[in-house]
Amino acid sequence: MNDNIIKANGTPVIGPHTVNKVIYLVLAFFLGGFGIHKFYARRPLAGIICVLFCWTCIPLIWSLISFVIALFTPSDSLGNIEA
């Protein structure tokens, strides 16, 4: 499902959960245990859950799974993915 909208001049408007793939991958890999990549993807509830449970290493596993999924998700022409 693509939520991007094209303006009259041809420039795309980023949809509600479209993020830059490279930035998302870096955040998920290095700061994923704290849920920073979820905040970047505009999913604050998931980010708060990661922050609350960061001491259990469950968010770290969750972020590694998110990293692998995002790694193999094809990006659009601007390098964005839906996260």
N, C-alpha and C. Protein backbone atom coordinates (compact mmCIF):
# COMPACT_ATOMS: atom_id res chain seq x y z
N MET A 1 0.85 -1.16 0.00
CA MET A 1 0.00 0.00 0.00
C MET A 1 0.90 1.23 0.00
N ASN A 2 0.69 2.11 -0.95
CA ASN A 2 1.52 3.30 -1.07
C ASN A 2 0.68 4.52 -0.72
N ASP A 3 1.07 5.23 0.36
CA ASP A 3 0.33 6.39 0.83
C ASP A 3 0.89 7.69 0.29
N ASN A 4 1.87 7.61 -0.62
CA ASN A 4 2.45 8.83 -1.15
C ASN A 4 1.46 9.54 -2.06
N ILE A 5 1.43 10.85 -1.98
CA ILE A 5 0.56 11.67 -2.81
C ILE A 5 1.46 12.54 -3.66
N ILE A 6 1.15 12.66 -4.94
CA ILE A 6 1.94 13.49 -5.84
C ILE A 6 1.28 14.85 -5.98
N LYS A 7 2.04 15.92 -5.74
CA LYS A 7 1.53 17.26 -5.92
C LYS A 7 1.45 17.60 -7.40
N ALA A 8 0.86 18.73 -7.72
CA ALA A 8 0.70 19.14 -9.10
C ALA A 8 2.04 19.35 -9.80
N ASN A 9 3.06 19.78 -9.07
CA ASN A 9 4.37 20.01 -9.69
C ASN A 9 5.20 18.74 -9.80
N GLY A 10 4.67 17.61 -9.38
CA GLY A 10 5.34 16.33 -9.53
C GLY A 10 6.17 15.89 -8.35
N THR A 11 6.22 16.66 -7.27
CA THR A 11 7.00 16.26 -6.10
C THR A 11 6.15 15.41 -5.18
N PRO A 12 6.69 14.31 -4.71
CA PRO A 12 5.91 13.45 -3.82
C PRO A 12 5.84 14.01 -2.41
N VAL A 13 4.74 13.75 -1.76
CA VAL A 13 4.56 14.10 -0.36
C VAL A 13 4.69 12.80 0.42
N ILE A 14 5.52 12.82 1.44
CA ILE A 14 5.77 11.60 2.21
C ILE A 14 4.53 11.23 3.00
N GLY A 15 4.19 9.94 2.94
CA GLY A 15 3.01 9.43 3.63
C GLY A 15 3.20 9.36 5.13
N PRO A 16 2.21 8.87 5.85
CA PRO A 16 2.24 8.93 7.31
C PRO A 16 3.32 8.07 7.97
N HIS A 17 3.72 6.99 7.36
CA HIS A 17 4.73 6.12 7.97
C HIS A 17 5.83 5.80 6.98
N THR A 18 6.17 6.73 6.13
CA THR A 18 7.25 6.55 5.18
C THR A 18 8.50 7.19 5.75
N VAL A 19 9.58 6.41 5.80
CA VAL A 19 10.83 6.89 6.38
C VAL A 19 11.98 6.58 5.45
N ASN A 20 13.09 7.30 5.63
CA ASN A 20 14.29 7.03 4.86
C ASN A 20 14.85 5.69 5.31
N LYS A 21 15.15 4.82 4.35
CA LYS A 21 15.57 3.46 4.67
C LYS A 21 16.91 3.44 5.40
N VAL A 22 17.87 4.22 4.94
CA VAL A 22 19.21 4.20 5.54
C VAL A 22 19.17 4.70 6.98
N ILE A 23 18.46 5.80 7.21
CA ILE A 23 18.37 6.34 8.57
C ILE A 23 17.66 5.34 9.48
N TYR A 24 16.59 4.72 9.00
CA TYR A 24 15.86 3.74 9.79
C TYR A 24 16.75 2.55 10.14
N LEU A 25 17.53 2.08 9.17
CA LEU A 25 18.43 0.94 9.43
C LEU A 25 19.49 1.29 10.46
N VAL A 26 20.07 2.47 10.35
CA VAL A 26 21.11 2.88 11.31
C VAL A 26 20.53 3.00 12.71
N LEU A 27 19.34 3.63 12.81
CA LEU A 27 18.72 3.78 14.13
C LEU A 27 18.32 2.43 14.71
N ALA A 28 17.79 1.54 13.88
CA ALA A 28 17.38 0.22 14.37
C ALA A 28 18.59 -0.60 14.84
N PHE A 29 19.70 -0.47 14.13
CA PHE A 29 20.87 -1.27 14.48
C PHE A 29 21.57 -0.74 15.73
N PHE A 30 21.78 0.57 15.81
CA PHE A 30 22.56 1.12 16.91
C PHE A 30 21.73 1.51 18.13
N LEU A 31 20.50 2.01 17.93
CA LEU A 31 19.69 2.50 19.04
C LEU A 31 18.36 1.76 19.16
N GLY A 32 18.25 0.64 18.50
CA GLY A 32 17.00 -0.10 18.48
C GLY A 32 16.59 -0.65 19.83
N GLY A 33 17.53 -0.92 20.69
CA GLY A 33 17.21 -1.42 22.02
C GLY A 33 16.43 -0.42 22.86
N PHE A 34 16.49 0.84 22.47
CA PHE A 34 15.73 1.89 23.15
C PHE A 34 14.51 2.34 22.35
N GLY A 35 14.29 1.75 21.18
CA GLY A 35 13.11 2.05 20.38
C GLY A 35 13.17 3.35 19.60
N ILE A 36 14.37 3.89 19.39
CA ILE A 36 14.50 5.17 18.70
C ILE A 36 13.99 5.06 17.26
N HIS A 37 14.20 3.92 16.62
CA HIS A 37 13.72 3.75 15.24
C HIS A 37 12.20 3.77 15.18
N LYS A 38 11.52 3.37 16.24
CA LYS A 38 10.06 3.41 16.27
C LYS A 38 9.56 4.86 16.39
N PHE A 39 10.25 5.67 17.19
CA PHE A 39 9.90 7.08 17.27
C PHE A 39 10.13 7.75 15.91
N TYR A 40 11.23 7.40 15.24
CA TYR A 40 11.52 7.98 13.92
C TYR A 40 10.44 7.59 12.90
N ALA A 41 9.90 6.40 13.03
CA ALA A 41 8.86 5.94 12.11
C ALA A 41 7.47 6.44 12.52
N ARG A 42 7.42 7.37 13.46
CA ARG A 42 6.17 7.97 13.96
C ARG A 42 5.24 6.92 14.56
N ARG A 43 5.84 6.02 15.34
CA ARG A 43 5.08 5.02 16.10
C ARG A 43 5.46 5.18 17.57
N PRO A 44 4.93 6.24 18.22
CA PRO A 44 5.38 6.55 19.58
C PRO A 44 4.99 5.51 20.62
N LEU A 45 3.87 4.83 20.45
CA LEU A 45 3.48 3.82 21.42
C LEU A 45 4.48 2.67 21.44
N ALA A 46 4.88 2.21 20.26
CA ALA A 46 5.89 1.15 20.19
C ALA A 46 7.22 1.63 20.75
N GLY A 47 7.55 2.90 20.52
CA GLY A 47 8.78 3.46 21.07
C GLY A 47 8.76 3.52 22.58
N ILE A 48 7.64 3.92 23.14
CA ILE A 48 7.51 3.99 24.60
C ILE A 48 7.60 2.60 25.21
N ILE A 49 6.99 1.62 24.57
CA ILE A 49 7.07 0.23 25.06
C ILE A 49 8.52 -0.24 25.05
N CYS A 50 9.26 0.10 24.00
CA CYS A 50 10.68 -0.28 23.94
C CYS A 50 11.48 0.39 25.05
N VAL A 51 11.21 1.66 25.31
CA VAL A 51 11.93 2.36 26.37
C VAL A 51 11.61 1.74 27.73
N LEU A 52 10.36 1.41 27.97
CA LEU A 52 9.97 0.83 29.26
C LEU A 52 10.58 -0.54 29.50
N PHE A 53 10.78 -1.30 28.42
CA PHE A 53 11.29 -2.66 28.57
C PHE A 53 12.72 -2.83 28.08
N CYS A 54 13.46 -1.72 27.93
CA CYS A 54 14.82 -1.81 27.39
C CYS A 54 15.74 -2.66 28.26
N TRP A 55 15.47 -2.76 29.53
CA TRP A 55 16.32 -3.54 30.43
C TRP A 55 16.14 -5.04 30.24
N THR A 56 15.11 -5.48 29.50
CA THR A 56 14.85 -6.91 29.32
C THR A 56 15.48 -7.48 28.06
N CYS A 57 16.03 -6.66 27.19
CA CYS A 57 16.62 -7.05 25.90
C CYS A 57 15.58 -7.49 24.88
N ILE A 58 14.30 -7.48 25.23
CA ILE A 58 13.26 -7.80 24.26
C ILE A 58 13.21 -6.76 23.15
N PRO A 59 13.31 -5.45 23.45
CA PRO A 59 13.33 -4.46 22.37
C PRO A 59 14.54 -4.62 21.44
N LEU A 60 15.65 -5.12 21.98
CA LEU A 60 16.83 -5.35 21.15
C LEU A 60 16.54 -6.42 20.11
N ILE A 61 15.91 -7.49 20.52
CA ILE A 61 15.53 -8.56 19.58
C ILE A 61 14.52 -8.03 18.58
N TRP A 62 13.55 -7.26 19.07
CA TRP A 62 12.52 -6.66 18.21
C TRP A 62 13.17 -5.74 17.17
N SER A 63 14.18 -4.97 17.59
CA SER A 63 14.83 -4.05 16.66
C SER A 63 15.66 -4.80 15.62
N LEU A 64 16.28 -5.90 16.01
CA LEU A 64 17.03 -6.69 15.03
C LEU A 64 16.10 -7.31 13.99
N ILE A 65 14.92 -7.73 14.42
CA ILE A 65 13.93 -8.24 13.47
C ILE A 65 13.47 -7.11 12.55
N SER A 66 13.22 -5.94 13.10
CA SER A 66 12.84 -4.78 12.29
C SER A 66 13.94 -4.40 11.31
N PHE A 67 15.19 -4.51 11.76
CA PHE A 67 16.33 -4.21 10.91
C PHE A 67 16.37 -5.14 9.70
N VAL A 68 16.23 -6.43 9.94
CA VAL A 68 16.29 -7.40 8.84
C VAL A 68 15.12 -7.21 7.88
N ILE A 69 13.93 -6.96 8.41
CA ILE A 69 12.77 -6.72 7.54
C ILE A 69 12.99 -5.47 6.69
N ALA A 70 13.47 -4.39 7.30
CA ALA A 70 13.70 -3.15 6.56
C ALA A 70 14.84 -3.31 5.55
N LEU A 71 15.82 -4.11 5.90
CA LEU A 71 16.96 -4.33 5.00
C LEU A 71 16.52 -4.95 3.69
N PHE A 72 15.58 -5.87 3.75
CA PHE A 72 15.12 -6.56 2.55
C PHE A 72 13.87 -5.95 1.93
N THR A 73 13.36 -4.85 2.49
CA THR A 73 12.23 -4.16 1.92
C THR A 73 12.73 -3.24 0.81
N PRO A 74 12.18 -3.36 -0.39
CA PRO A 74 12.63 -2.47 -1.46
C PRO A 74 12.20 -1.04 -1.21
N SER A 75 13.08 -0.10 -1.53
CA SER A 75 12.76 1.31 -1.31
C SER A 75 12.23 1.92 -2.61
N ASP A 76 11.58 3.07 -2.46
CA ASP A 76 11.07 3.76 -3.64
C ASP A 76 12.19 4.57 -4.28
N SER A 77 11.85 5.40 -5.24
CA SER A 77 12.86 6.16 -5.98
C SER A 77 13.59 7.19 -5.11
N LEU A 78 13.00 7.55 -3.99
CA LEU A 78 13.62 8.51 -3.09
C LEU A 78 14.40 7.84 -1.96
N GLY A 79 14.40 6.51 -1.92
CA GLY A 79 15.09 5.78 -0.86
C GLY A 79 14.25 5.62 0.39
N ASN A 80 12.94 5.75 0.27
CA ASN A 80 12.05 5.63 1.43
C ASN A 80 11.36 4.28 1.45
N ILE A 81 11.04 3.83 2.65
CA ILE A 81 10.26 2.62 2.84
C ILE A 81 9.10 2.93 3.80
N GLU A 82 8.12 2.06 3.80
CA GLU A 82 7.05 2.18 4.78
C GLU A 82 7.41 1.31 5.97
N ALA A 83 7.53 1.95 7.12
CA ALA A 83 7.94 1.21 8.32
C ALA A 83 6.83 1.17 9.33
